[in-house]
Amino acid sequence: GAGRGVKKKKKPLTIECATQQCSGLGTQQVVGWAGLLLQPTPDAVAAQRAVPVRGAYASYRFFGSPASRYDLSPTSHIIEVDAQPTPDLRSFLKATKHKADGEVVRVKHVDLEGRVRMSTLKLDLRYWPTYVLQRGADGEWTRSAP
């Protein structure tokens, strides 16, 4: 319509910008670990906060969990476990799969403001076991051990 679009000095302006292809399916995998729900960084978080898409993104923290007791915050990215880089969920699971109940784990994490912190927590796998939630092609979620 009249008066719409991008113009400069009343002439249409062509603007080129990069776009990102999105499947529209949203989150497909969630890992439950020490009372945190971890997932790949949601596109909206990456776009709104201009955070690097690295690490396991903590989307939720259960009250009373080891993550709660040792102050691992939701909306942070876990980027290392015991000095082993965790750029994605697969590497995070690999870094934590051999950990035993009661073992102490050092976790390096970065918040949405870019502040890096190191936290140490004691695992309680009896009450807070590690699990994977996976969304199938039919849209149904299944829970399994890692």
C-alpha atoms as a PDB file:
ATOM      1  CA  GLY A   1       0.000   0.000   0.000  1.00  0.00           C
ATOM      2  CA  ALA A   2       0.885   3.658  -0.201  1.00  0.00           C
ATOM      3  CA  GLY A   3       3.448   4.868   2.285  1.00  0.00           C
ATOM      4  CA  ARG A   4       4.600   1.393   3.267  1.00  0.00           C
ATOM      5  CA  GLY A   5       7.984  -0.241   2.833  1.00  0.00           C
ATOM      6  CA  VAL A   6      11.472   1.034   3.390  1.00  0.00           C
ATOM      7  CA  LYS A   7      12.249   4.281   1.635  1.00  0.00           C
ATOM      8  CA  LYS A   8      15.046   6.805   1.667  1.00  0.00           C
ATOM      9  CA  LYS A   9      14.335  10.249   0.240  1.00  0.00           C
ATOM     10  CA  LYS A  10      10.979   8.873  -0.993  1.00  0.00           C
ATOM     11  CA  LYS A  11      12.686   6.182  -3.081  1.00  0.00           C
ATOM     12  CA  PRO A  12      12.424   2.445  -2.330  1.00  0.00           C
ATOM     13  CA  LEU A  13      15.491   1.137  -0.546  1.00  0.00           C
ATOM     14  CA  THR A  14      16.813  -2.380  -1.062  1.00  0.00           C
ATOM     15  CA  ILE A  15      18.226  -3.973   2.073  1.00  0.00           C
ATOM     16  CA  GLU A  16      20.034  -7.287   2.163  1.00  0.00           C
ATOM     17  CA  CYS A  17      20.173  -9.226   5.403  1.00  0.00           C
ATOM     18  CA  ALA A  18      21.081 -12.718   6.454  1.00  0.00           C
ATOM     19  CA  THR A  19      18.265 -15.068   7.367  1.00  0.00           C
ATOM     20  CA  GLN A  20      18.187 -18.284   9.305  1.00  0.00           C
ATOM     21  CA  GLN A  21      16.217 -21.310   8.208  1.00  0.00           C
ATOM     22  CA  CYS A  22      14.062 -22.739  10.990  1.00  0.00           C
ATOM     23  CA  SER A  23      12.231 -26.047  11.018  1.00  0.00           C
ATOM     24  CA  GLY A  24       9.453 -24.692  13.209  1.00  0.00           C
ATOM     25  CA  LEU A  25       9.492 -27.884  15.270  1.00  0.00           C
ATOM     26  CA  GLY A  26      11.009 -26.300  18.368  1.00  0.00           C
ATOM     27  CA  THR A  27      12.753 -28.329  21.028  1.00  0.00           C
ATOM     28  CA  GLN A  28      13.306 -31.963  20.065  1.00  0.00           C
ATOM     29  CA  GLN A  29      15.488 -33.182  22.950  1.00  0.00           C
ATOM     30  CA  VAL A  30      15.731 -32.352  26.651  1.00  0.00           C
ATOM     31  CA  VAL A  31      18.188 -33.750  29.177  1.00  0.00           C
ATOM     32  CA  GLY A  32      17.332 -33.890  32.866  1.00  0.00           C
ATOM     33  CA  TRP A  33      20.497 -33.613  34.972  1.00  0.00           C
ATOM     34  CA  ALA A  34      20.934 -32.715  38.661  1.00  0.00           C
ATOM     35  CA  GLY A  35      17.534 -31.017  38.632  1.00  0.00           C
ATOM     36  CA  LEU A  36      18.150 -28.937  35.512  1.00  0.00           C
ATOM     37  CA  LEU A  37      16.342 -29.298  32.213  1.00  0.00           C
ATOM     38  CA  LEU A  38      18.974 -28.848  29.505  1.00  0.00           C
ATOM     39  CA  GLN A  39      18.363 -28.364  25.800  1.00  0.00           C
ATOM     40  CA  PRO A  40      19.899 -26.763  22.734  1.00  0.00           C
ATOM     41  CA  THR A  41      19.662 -22.964  22.921  1.00  0.00           C
ATOM     42  CA  PRO A  42      16.198 -21.892  21.720  1.00  0.00           C
ATOM     43  CA  ASP A  43      16.339 -19.696  18.609  1.00  0.00           C
ATOM     44  CA  ALA A  44      14.445 -16.910  20.410  1.00  0.00           C
ATOM     45  CA  VAL A  45      17.017 -16.781  23.233  1.00  0.00           C
ATOM     46  CA  ALA A  46      19.903 -16.660  20.773  1.00  0.00           C
ATOM     47  CA  ALA A  47      18.222 -13.914  18.732  1.00  0.00           C
ATOM     48  CA  GLN A  48      16.995 -11.741  21.606  1.00  0.00           C
ATOM     49  CA  ARG A  49      20.048 -11.946  23.820  1.00  0.00           C
ATOM     50  CA  ALA A  50      22.732 -12.215  21.112  1.00  0.00           C
ATOM     51  CA  VAL A  51      24.317 -15.088  23.021  1.00  0.00           C
ATOM     52  CA  PRO A  52      26.596 -17.569  21.327  1.00  0.00           C
ATOM     53  CA  VAL A  53      24.831 -20.854  20.684  1.00  0.00           C
ATOM     54  CA  ARG A  54      27.178 -23.100  22.636  1.00  0.00           C
ATOM     55  CA  GLY A  55      26.803 -25.351  25.606  1.00  0.00           C
ATOM     56  CA  ALA A  56      23.805 -27.053  27.116  1.00  0.00           C
ATOM     57  CA  TYR A  57      21.147 -24.408  27.792  1.00  0.00           C
ATOM     58  CA  ALA A  58      19.473 -24.698  31.203  1.00  0.00           C
ATOM     59  CA  SER A  59      15.815 -23.894  30.595  1.00  0.00           C
ATOM     60  CA  TYR A  60      14.457 -24.888  34.028  1.00  0.00           C
ATOM     61  CA  ARG A  61      15.655 -25.759  37.544  1.00  0.00           C
ATOM     62  CA  PHE A  62      13.680 -27.860  39.993  1.00  0.00           C
ATOM     63  CA  PHE A  63      13.435 -26.620  43.588  1.00  0.00           C
ATOM     64  CA  GLY A  64      15.401 -28.724  46.081  1.00  0.00           C
ATOM     65  CA  SER A  65      17.608 -30.289  43.403  1.00  0.00           C
ATOM     66  CA  PRO A  66      21.418 -30.325  43.457  1.00  0.00           C
ATOM     67  CA  ALA A  67      21.347 -27.563  40.819  1.00  0.00           C
ATOM     68  CA  SER A  68      19.172 -25.499  43.164  1.00  0.00           C
ATOM     69  CA  ARG A  69      21.297 -26.200  46.246  1.00  0.00           C
ATOM     70  CA  TYR A  70      24.546 -25.365  44.461  1.00  0.00           C
ATOM     71  CA  ASP A  71      23.131 -22.367  42.549  1.00  0.00           C
ATOM     72  CA  LEU A  72      23.284 -23.438  38.912  1.00  0.00           C
ATOM     73  CA  SER A  73      20.878 -20.989  37.359  1.00  0.00           C
ATOM     74  CA  PRO A  74      18.295 -21.543  34.678  1.00  0.00           C
ATOM     75  CA  THR A  75      18.909 -19.463  31.510  1.00  0.00           C
ATOM     76  CA  SER A  76      22.616 -20.215  31.662  1.00  0.00           C
ATOM     77  CA  HIS A  77      24.748 -22.342  29.340  1.00  0.00           C
ATOM     78  CA  ILE A  78      26.901 -25.149  30.735  1.00  0.00           C
ATOM     79  CA  ILE A  79      30.085 -24.898  28.680  1.00  0.00           C
ATOM     80  CA  GLU A  80      32.374 -27.288  30.619  1.00  0.00           C
ATOM     81  CA  VAL A  81      32.089 -30.216  33.005  1.00  0.00           C
ATOM     82  CA  ASP A  82      35.279 -31.013  34.937  1.00  0.00           C
ATOM     83  CA  ALA A  83      37.304 -28.938  32.420  1.00  0.00           C
ATOM     84  CA  GLN A  84      35.870 -30.927  29.479  1.00  0.00           C
ATOM     85  CA  PRO A  85      34.159 -28.642  26.908  1.00  0.00           C
ATOM     86  CA  THR A  86      30.434 -29.264  26.382  1.00  0.00           C
ATOM     87  CA  PRO A  87      29.465 -27.364  23.209  1.00  0.00           C
ATOM     88  CA  ASP A  88      26.249 -29.381  22.796  1.00  0.00           C
ATOM     89  CA  LEU A  89      24.006 -31.921  24.549  1.00  0.00           C
ATOM     90  CA  ARG A  90      25.847 -34.906  23.094  1.00  0.00           C
ATOM     91  CA  SER A  91      29.191 -33.775  24.512  1.00  0.00           C
ATOM     92  CA  PHE A  92      27.502 -32.876  27.807  1.00  0.00           C
ATOM     93  CA  LEU A  93      26.091 -36.403  28.129  1.00  0.00           C
ATOM     94  CA  LYS A  94      29.484 -37.873  27.241  1.00  0.00           C
ATOM     95  CA  ALA A  95      31.158 -35.750  29.943  1.00  0.00           C
ATOM     96  CA  THR A  96      28.647 -36.760  32.631  1.00  0.00           C
ATOM     97  CA  LYS A  97      27.724 -40.380  31.824  1.00  0.00           C
ATOM     98  CA  HIS A  98      30.469 -41.932  33.955  1.00  0.00           C
ATOM     99  CA  LYS A  99      29.726 -39.796  37.027  1.00  0.00           C
ATOM    100  CA  ALA A 100      28.574 -41.726  40.087  1.00  0.00           C
ATOM    101  CA  ASP A 101      26.019 -40.907  42.763  1.00  0.00           C
ATOM    102  CA  GLY A 102      27.591 -38.594  45.350  1.00  0.00           C
ATOM    103  CA  GLU A 103      30.437 -37.576  43.043  1.00  0.00           C
ATOM    104  CA  VAL A 104      31.483 -33.923  43.000  1.00  0.00           C
ATOM    105  CA  VAL A 105      31.347 -32.206  39.604  1.00  0.00           C
ATOM    106  CA  ARG A 106      32.817 -28.832  38.564  1.00  0.00           C
ATOM    107  CA  VAL A 107      30.570 -26.976  36.140  1.00  0.00           C
ATOM    108  CA  LYS A 108      31.600 -23.924  34.135  1.00  0.00           C
ATOM    109  CA  HIS A 109      28.587 -21.927  32.990  1.00  0.00           C
ATOM    110  CA  VAL A 110      27.867 -18.572  31.375  1.00  0.00           C
ATOM    111  CA  ASP A 111      24.759 -16.452  31.931  1.00  0.00           C
ATOM    112  CA  LEU A 112      22.832 -14.407  29.375  1.00  0.00           C
ATOM    113  CA  GLU A 113      24.943 -11.346  30.168  1.00  0.00           C
ATOM    114  CA  GLY A 114      28.122 -13.242  29.281  1.00  0.00           C
ATOM    115  CA  ARG A 115      29.381 -13.629  32.860  1.00  0.00           C
ATOM    116  CA  VAL A 116      31.299 -16.877  33.315  1.00  0.00           C
ATOM    117  CA  ARG A 117      31.028 -18.731  36.633  1.00  0.00           C
ATOM    118  CA  MET A 118      32.317 -21.960  38.074  1.00  0.00           C
ATOM    119  CA  SER A 119      30.121 -24.018  40.388  1.00  0.00           C
ATOM    120  CA  THR A 120      30.762 -27.288  42.149  1.00  0.00           C
ATOM    121  CA  LEU A 121      27.906 -29.618  42.948  1.00  0.00           C
ATOM    122  CA  LYS A 122      27.467 -33.034  44.476  1.00  0.00           C
ATOM    123  CA  LEU A 123      25.369 -35.390  42.354  1.00  0.00           C
ATOM    124  CA  ASP A 124      22.307 -37.065  43.850  1.00  0.00           C
ATOM    125  CA  LEU A 125      21.501 -39.664  41.199  1.00  0.00           C
ATOM    126  CA  ARG A 126      19.150 -41.579  43.477  1.00  0.00           C
ATOM    127  CA  TYR A 127      16.573 -38.791  43.579  1.00  0.00           C
ATOM    128  CA  TRP A 128      17.775 -36.751  40.575  1.00  0.00           C
ATOM    129  CA  PRO A 129      18.852 -39.282  37.921  1.00  0.00           C
ATOM    130  CA  THR A 130      20.013 -38.257  34.469  1.00  0.00           C
ATOM    131  CA  TYR A 131      17.475 -38.897  31.701  1.00  0.00           C
ATOM    132  CA  VAL A 132      16.771 -37.933  28.107  1.00  0.00           C
ATOM    133  CA  LEU A 133      13.407 -36.817  26.745  1.00  0.00           C
ATOM    134  CA  GLN A 134      13.213 -37.223  22.960  1.00  0.00           C
ATOM    135  CA  ARG A 135      10.420 -36.061  20.681  1.00  0.00           C
ATOM    136  CA  GLY A 136       9.600 -38.629  18.023  1.00  0.00           C
ATOM    137  CA  ALA A 137       8.473 -38.044  14.438  1.00  0.00           C
ATOM    138  CA  ASP A 138       4.878 -38.623  15.620  1.00  0.00           C
ATOM    139  CA  GLY A 139       5.226 -35.755  18.130  1.00  0.00           C
ATOM    140  CA  GLU A 140       5.205 -38.052  21.175  1.00  0.00           C
ATOM    141  CA  TRP A 141       7.875 -37.690  23.861  1.00  0.00           C
ATOM    142  CA  THR A 142       9.768 -40.671  25.266  1.00  0.00           C
ATOM    143  CA  ARG A 143      11.957 -40.818  28.344  1.00  0.00           C
ATOM    144  CA  SER A 144      15.097 -42.946  28.449  1.00  0.00           C
ATOM    145  CA  ALA A 145      18.391 -43.318  30.271  1.00  0.00           C
ATOM    146  CA  PRO A 146      21.311 -41.662  28.480  1.00  0.00           C
END
